[in-house]
Amino acid sequence: MSSLSPIVLFVYSRPSHTRRTLQALEKNRLAADSELYIFSDGAKDAGAIPAVEEVRRVIREAWEFKDVHVVERMHNLGLAANVIDGVSNVIKKHKKAIVLEDDVLFSEHALAYFNDALTLYQKEEKIMHISGFIYELDRTNVPDTFFTRYVASQAWATWERAWDCFQEDIEAIIQQFDEKKISDFTFEGTMNFWRQIQQQKEKKIDSWAIRWYASVFLRGGLALSPNQSLIENIGHDGSGIHSEISKMFVTTIRNEPITCFSNKVEESKNGYLALKHYFKHRKGSIINRAIRFVRNKLNI
């Protein structure tokens, strides 16, 4: 096997989430031979200082990795700037990276999957992103791994050649879209990705993820996904910067290693249709939407 990819973890003010994330990561067979970079953002205000300091105590504990490099930001960069800067610096040094935030629990086979895919597809220019997360799709006709345009950002990996295509300027991104591209980008209007682009422009959100998806899409790039998630997202409990209470990201986790990788470098028709169907029906019936709205308001 070629050299293992470094792991890049971004943390802020959730010590219990951070500990669970590191514990799950540590259980991977390749963890002890992997370098881990942890970027700890600075407190946004005085109220966040105790939680940030507690997170920093957690990440300074003796974790079972080959090397642990901790970067403690002196000031608050915000999630997007922290991720963009951290990924850019690690990739500049190592030419590839596996990336996650402090609310992601890896299955025991996730690191092997990421490293295998990074090695297998490293020279395939069209493949720009490796996803570890996938929604709870109907997997009936979807192979173990498949390519689509969709870039999932919960846990992912990429190479320097792809990350070099990342576009930060939202205005420049918007100028490259027309109606056809907007339809393709949003899975024929079934998912609100274009609204996120507009929100980024209006500074209602600050998302590196929607800009990364757009950057890959505009280059005609593809992302590899497993047909069953290799990670569990524990951040949609209302505790995160950009998260709300949601069951959209609830998945069953694959407990077996992935050994079959797609050898057709093209978008999977069945994978695309499964994602489109999920996006279209993700909110459920009107009654279910009303119940979810009330529960979110009441923080149930």
Protein backbone atom coordinates (compact mmCIF):
# COMPACT_ATOMS: atom_id res chain seq x y z
CA MET A 1 0.00 0.00 0.00
CA SER A 2 1.22 3.51 -0.71
CA SER A 3 1.70 5.86 2.21
CA LEU A 4 -1.41 6.37 4.30
CA SER A 5 -3.31 9.60 3.96
CA PRO A 6 -3.19 12.07 6.84
CA ILE A 7 -6.44 12.66 8.70
CA VAL A 8 -7.63 16.23 9.26
CA LEU A 9 -10.07 16.91 12.10
CA PHE A 10 -11.77 20.26 12.76
CA VAL A 11 -13.04 21.01 16.27
CA TYR A 12 -14.56 23.95 18.07
CA SER A 13 -16.67 23.89 21.23
CA ARG A 14 -18.21 20.43 21.64
CA PRO A 15 -15.97 18.40 23.98
CA SER A 16 -18.25 15.35 24.25
CA HIS A 17 -18.71 15.17 20.47
CA THR A 18 -14.96 15.59 19.98
CA ARG A 19 -14.15 12.76 22.38
CA ARG A 20 -16.61 10.38 20.71
CA THR A 21 -15.23 11.30 17.28
CA LEU A 22 -11.65 10.56 18.35
CA GLN A 23 -12.62 7.33 20.11
CA ALA A 24 -14.36 6.01 16.99
CA LEU A 25 -11.51 7.10 14.75
CA GLU A 26 -8.97 5.43 17.03
CA LYS A 27 -10.71 2.04 16.62
CA ASN A 28 -9.83 1.91 12.92
CA ARG A 29 -7.12 -0.61 12.12
CA LEU A 30 -5.05 1.99 10.25
CA ALA A 31 -5.32 4.70 12.91
CA ALA A 32 -2.10 3.81 14.72
CA ASP A 33 -0.15 4.21 11.46
CA SER A 34 -1.87 7.46 10.41
CA GLU A 35 -0.92 11.07 11.07
CA LEU A 36 -3.68 13.18 12.58
CA TYR A 37 -3.94 16.96 12.24
CA ILE A 38 -6.41 18.69 14.56
CA PHE A 39 -7.43 22.30 13.91
CA SER A 40 -9.07 23.90 16.94
CA ASP A 41 -10.83 27.17 16.15
CA GLY A 42 -10.64 30.06 18.61
CA ALA A 43 -13.60 31.19 20.71
CA LYS A 44 -16.07 33.45 18.94
CA ASP A 45 -16.91 35.27 22.15
CA ALA A 46 -16.22 35.12 25.87
CA GLY A 47 -19.10 32.71 26.42
CA ALA A 48 -17.47 30.08 24.21
CA ILE A 49 -14.08 30.15 25.94
CA PRO A 50 -14.76 27.42 28.57
CA ALA A 51 -16.04 24.93 25.97
CA VAL A 52 -13.16 25.68 23.59
CA GLU A 53 -10.67 25.17 26.42
CA GLU A 54 -12.33 21.87 27.36
CA VAL A 55 -12.10 20.70 23.74
CA ARG A 56 -8.41 21.56 23.75
CA ARG A 57 -7.87 19.48 26.85
CA VAL A 58 -9.55 16.55 25.09
CA ILE A 59 -7.44 16.79 21.93
CA ARG A 60 -4.24 17.06 24.01
CA GLU A 61 -4.85 13.65 25.59
CA ALA A 62 -2.78 10.63 24.51
CA TRP A 63 -4.58 9.37 21.41
CA GLU A 64 -3.38 6.28 19.54
CA PHE A 65 -2.19 7.69 16.23
CA LYS A 66 1.24 7.71 14.59
CA ASP A 67 1.58 11.45 15.21
CA VAL A 68 -0.88 14.09 16.37
CA HIS A 69 -0.37 17.68 15.21
CA VAL A 70 -2.55 20.22 17.01
CA VAL A 71 -3.16 23.72 15.67
CA GLU A 72 -4.92 26.01 18.14
CA ARG A 73 -6.23 29.13 16.43
CA MET A 74 -5.56 32.30 18.42
CA HIS A 75 -8.72 33.91 17.08
CA ASN A 76 -12.03 32.65 15.71
CA LEU A 77 -11.79 31.99 11.98
CA GLY A 78 -15.23 30.45 11.59
CA LEU A 79 -15.82 26.96 10.27
CA ALA A 80 -15.43 27.72 6.56
CA ALA A 81 -12.13 29.61 6.86
CA ASN A 82 -10.76 27.06 9.34
CA VAL A 83 -11.55 24.16 6.99
CA ILE A 84 -10.27 25.87 3.83
CA ASP A 85 -7.00 26.91 5.48
CA GLY A 86 -6.47 23.60 7.29
CA VAL A 87 -7.19 21.37 4.30
CA SER A 88 -5.06 23.56 2.03
CA ASN A 89 -2.05 23.41 4.34
CA VAL A 90 -2.21 19.65 4.94
CA ILE A 91 -2.78 18.85 1.26
CA LYS A 92 0.11 21.11 0.24
CA LYS A 93 2.38 18.95 2.39
CA HIS A 94 0.90 15.47 1.84
CA LYS A 95 -0.85 15.80 -1.56
CA LYS A 96 -4.02 14.17 -0.16
CA ALA A 97 -6.20 14.21 2.96
CA ILE A 98 -9.08 12.53 4.78
CA VAL A 99 -11.27 15.19 6.36
CA LEU A 100 -13.90 15.21 9.10
CA GLU A 101 -15.42 17.47 11.73
CA ASP A 102 -16.07 16.94 15.42
CA ASP A 103 -19.47 15.30 14.98
CA VAL A 104 -18.56 12.30 12.83
CA LEU A 105 -18.18 8.74 14.05
CA PHE A 106 -16.16 6.53 11.69
CA SER A 107 -17.00 2.87 11.31
CA GLU A 108 -14.01 0.60 11.93
CA HIS A 109 -13.53 0.16 8.18
CA ALA A 110 -13.78 3.82 7.11
CA LEU A 111 -10.06 4.62 7.08
CA ALA A 112 -9.33 1.55 4.95
CA TYR A 113 -12.05 2.60 2.49
CA PHE A 114 -10.72 6.13 2.17
CA ASN A 115 -7.10 5.05 1.76
CA ASP A 116 -7.96 2.34 -0.76
CA ALA A 117 -10.01 4.78 -2.85
CA LEU A 118 -7.35 7.50 -2.68
CA THR A 119 -4.77 5.02 -3.98
CA LEU A 120 -6.98 3.43 -6.62
CA TYR A 121 -8.25 6.65 -8.19
CA GLN A 122 -5.32 8.99 -7.63
CA LYS A 123 -4.60 9.36 -11.36
CA GLU A 124 -8.26 9.57 -12.47
CA GLU A 125 -8.60 13.31 -13.06
CA LYS A 126 -12.40 13.15 -13.31
CA ILE A 127 -12.72 11.69 -9.82
CA MET A 128 -12.32 14.59 -7.40
CA HIS A 129 -13.94 13.55 -4.14
CA ILE A 130 -14.38 10.45 -1.96
CA SER A 131 -17.46 10.46 0.29
CA GLY A 132 -17.82 8.38 3.43
CA PHE A 133 -21.43 9.36 4.08
CA ILE A 134 -24.55 8.54 2.11
CA TYR A 135 -28.18 9.05 2.96
CA GLU A 136 -30.38 6.05 3.74
CA LEU A 137 -31.07 5.24 0.10
CA ASP A 138 -32.96 2.38 -1.46
CA ARG A 139 -29.88 0.25 -2.20
CA THR A 140 -31.69 -2.38 -4.28
CA ASN A 141 -30.03 -1.50 -7.59
CA VAL A 142 -27.07 0.51 -6.32
CA PRO A 143 -23.62 -1.16 -6.24
CA ASP A 144 -21.37 -1.14 -3.16
CA THR A 145 -19.61 1.97 -4.47
CA PHE A 146 -20.72 4.30 -7.23
CA PHE A 147 -19.99 7.68 -8.82
CA THR A 148 -22.32 10.66 -9.03
CA ARG A 149 -21.99 14.43 -9.15
CA TYR A 150 -23.08 14.67 -5.50
CA VAL A 151 -20.37 15.76 -3.07
CA ALA A 152 -21.19 14.76 0.54
CA SER A 153 -19.16 16.77 3.03
CA GLN A 154 -19.74 14.95 6.34
CA ALA A 155 -16.54 12.91 5.98
CA TRP A 156 -14.51 12.93 2.82
CA ALA A 157 -11.16 12.71 1.11
CA THR A 158 -9.46 14.28 -1.87
CA TRP A 159 -6.15 14.95 -3.61
CA GLU A 160 -4.15 18.10 -4.26
CA ARG A 161 -5.01 17.98 -7.99
CA ALA A 162 -8.72 18.25 -7.14
CA TRP A 163 -8.48 20.67 -4.21
CA ASP A 164 -6.55 23.05 -6.47
CA CYS A 165 -9.87 23.54 -8.31
CA PHE A 166 -11.66 24.82 -5.20
CA GLN A 167 -13.27 28.21 -5.84
CA GLU A 168 -13.84 30.49 -2.86
CA ASP A 169 -15.42 33.39 -4.77
CA ILE A 170 -19.18 32.82 -4.76
CA GLU A 171 -19.76 35.48 -7.42
CA ALA A 172 -17.38 33.71 -9.78
CA ILE A 173 -19.19 30.45 -9.09
CA ILE A 174 -22.64 31.93 -9.80
CA GLN A 175 -21.48 33.42 -13.11
CA GLN A 176 -20.72 29.93 -14.42
CA PHE A 177 -24.26 28.61 -13.92
CA ASP A 178 -27.16 28.71 -16.36
CA GLU A 179 -30.63 27.19 -16.00
CA LYS A 180 -29.52 23.78 -17.27
CA LYS A 181 -26.60 23.65 -14.86
CA ILE A 182 -28.81 24.74 -11.95
CA SER A 183 -31.20 21.89 -12.76
CA ASP A 184 -28.35 19.39 -12.96
CA PHE A 185 -26.74 20.75 -9.77
CA THR A 186 -29.98 20.42 -7.80
CA PHE A 187 -30.93 16.96 -9.06
CA GLU A 188 -33.70 18.47 -11.16
CA GLY A 189 -34.82 20.81 -8.40
CA THR A 190 -35.28 18.10 -5.77
CA MET A 191 -32.63 19.43 -3.36
CA ASN A 192 -31.96 23.00 -2.19
CA PHE A 193 -28.33 23.27 -3.30
CA TRP A 194 -28.95 26.40 -5.40
CA ARG A 195 -30.66 28.09 -2.45
CA GLN A 196 -27.49 27.44 -0.46
CA ILE A 197 -25.49 29.15 -3.20
CA GLN A 198 -27.81 32.15 -2.95
CA GLN A 199 -27.55 32.16 0.84
CA GLN A 200 -23.77 32.13 0.55
CA LYS A 201 -23.94 35.14 -1.78
CA GLU A 202 -26.24 36.96 0.66
CA LYS A 203 -23.90 36.04 3.55
CA LYS A 204 -26.72 34.24 5.36
CA ILE A 205 -24.45 31.21 5.59
CA ASP A 206 -20.70 30.74 5.33
CA SER A 207 -20.25 27.30 3.80
CA TRP A 208 -17.07 25.83 2.38
CA ALA A 209 -19.08 22.69 1.53
CA ILE A 210 -21.52 24.19 -0.99
CA ARG A 211 -18.63 25.96 -2.70
CA TRP A 212 -16.65 22.72 -2.87
CA TYR A 213 -19.61 20.85 -4.37
CA ALA A 214 -20.05 23.66 -6.92
CA SER A 215 -16.33 23.64 -7.71
CA VAL A 216 -16.36 19.89 -8.41
CA PHE A 217 -19.61 20.11 -10.38
CA LEU A 218 -18.40 22.96 -12.59
CA ARG A 219 -15.29 20.95 -13.52
CA GLY A 220 -17.44 17.98 -14.50
CA GLY A 221 -15.99 16.05 -11.59
CA LEU A 222 -17.36 12.94 -9.92
CA ALA A 223 -17.52 11.80 -6.30
CA LEU A 224 -17.30 8.21 -5.11
CA SER A 225 -19.89 7.13 -2.54
CA PRO A 226 -20.57 3.88 -0.70
CA ASN A 227 -24.15 2.62 -1.02
CA GLN A 228 -24.37 2.45 2.78
CA SER A 229 -22.83 5.04 5.05
CA LEU A 230 -19.47 4.37 6.68
CA ILE A 231 -19.95 7.17 9.17
CA GLU A 232 -22.56 8.32 11.65
CA ASN A 233 -23.28 12.03 11.92
CA ILE A 234 -24.02 12.96 15.55
CA GLY A 235 -24.06 16.73 15.02
CA HIS A 236 -27.65 17.29 13.96
CA ASP A 237 -28.83 17.63 17.54
CA GLY A 238 -28.88 21.43 17.54
CA SER A 239 -25.37 21.71 18.98
CA GLY A 240 -23.46 22.68 15.84
CA ILE A 241 -22.68 25.93 14.05
CA HIS A 242 -24.72 25.11 10.94
CA SER A 243 -26.83 22.23 12.22
CA GLU A 244 -30.40 21.97 13.35
CA ILE A 245 -32.31 19.11 14.89
CA SER A 246 -32.88 16.75 11.98
CA LYS A 247 -33.33 13.08 11.17
CA MET A 248 -32.33 13.56 7.54
CA PHE A 249 -28.81 12.35 8.30
CA VAL A 250 -29.82 9.28 10.31
CA THR A 251 -28.35 6.21 8.65
CA THR A 252 -27.60 2.57 9.23
CA ILE A 253 -23.85 2.05 9.26
CA ARG A 254 -22.06 -0.54 7.15
CA ASN A 255 -20.11 -2.87 9.43
CA GLU A 256 -18.25 -4.82 6.73
CA PRO A 257 -15.20 -3.62 4.82
CA ILE A 258 -15.65 -2.37 1.27
CA THR A 259 -13.73 -4.51 -1.20
CA CYS A 260 -15.56 -3.74 -4.45
CA PHE A 261 -14.78 -0.40 -6.08
CA SER A 262 -16.39 0.90 -9.24
CA ASN A 263 -14.15 0.65 -12.31
CA LYS A 264 -16.45 2.69 -14.58
CA VAL A 265 -15.47 6.33 -14.34
CA GLU A 266 -18.91 7.68 -15.14
CA GLU A 267 -21.99 8.74 -13.23
CA SER A 268 -24.09 5.80 -12.06
CA LYS A 269 -27.61 6.11 -13.43
CA ASN A 270 -29.03 4.04 -10.56
CA GLY A 271 -27.01 6.00 -8.01
CA TYR A 272 -28.28 9.28 -9.43
CA LEU A 273 -31.90 8.10 -9.43
CA ALA A 274 -31.63 6.77 -5.86
CA LEU A 275 -30.29 10.14 -4.65
CA LYS A 276 -32.89 12.08 -6.61
CA HIS A 277 -35.68 9.94 -5.13
CA TYR A 278 -34.31 10.44 -1.63
CA PHE A 279 -34.04 14.22 -2.06
CA LYS A 280 -37.54 14.47 -3.50
CA HIS A 281 -39.13 12.52 -0.64
CA ARG A 282 -36.80 13.47 2.21
CA LYS A 283 -39.31 15.73 3.99
CA GLY A 284 -42.10 13.17 4.10
CA SER A 285 -45.79 14.00 4.11
CA ILE A 286 -47.25 17.41 5.01
CA ILE A 287 -48.24 15.99 8.43
CA ASN A 288 -44.70 14.75 9.07
CA ARG A 289 -43.30 18.13 8.08
CA ALA A 290 -45.67 19.90 10.49
CA ILE A 291 -44.71 17.58 13.35
CA ARG A 292 -41.00 18.10 12.65
CA PHE A 293 -41.45 21.88 12.50
CA VAL A 294 -43.17 21.94 15.89
CA ARG A 295 -40.57 19.65 17.46
CA ASN A 296 -37.73 21.83 16.19
CA LYS A 297 -39.42 24.93 17.57
CA LEU A 298 -39.92 23.26 20.94
CA ASN A 299 -36.44 21.68 20.82
CA ILE A 300 -37.87 18.21 21.45
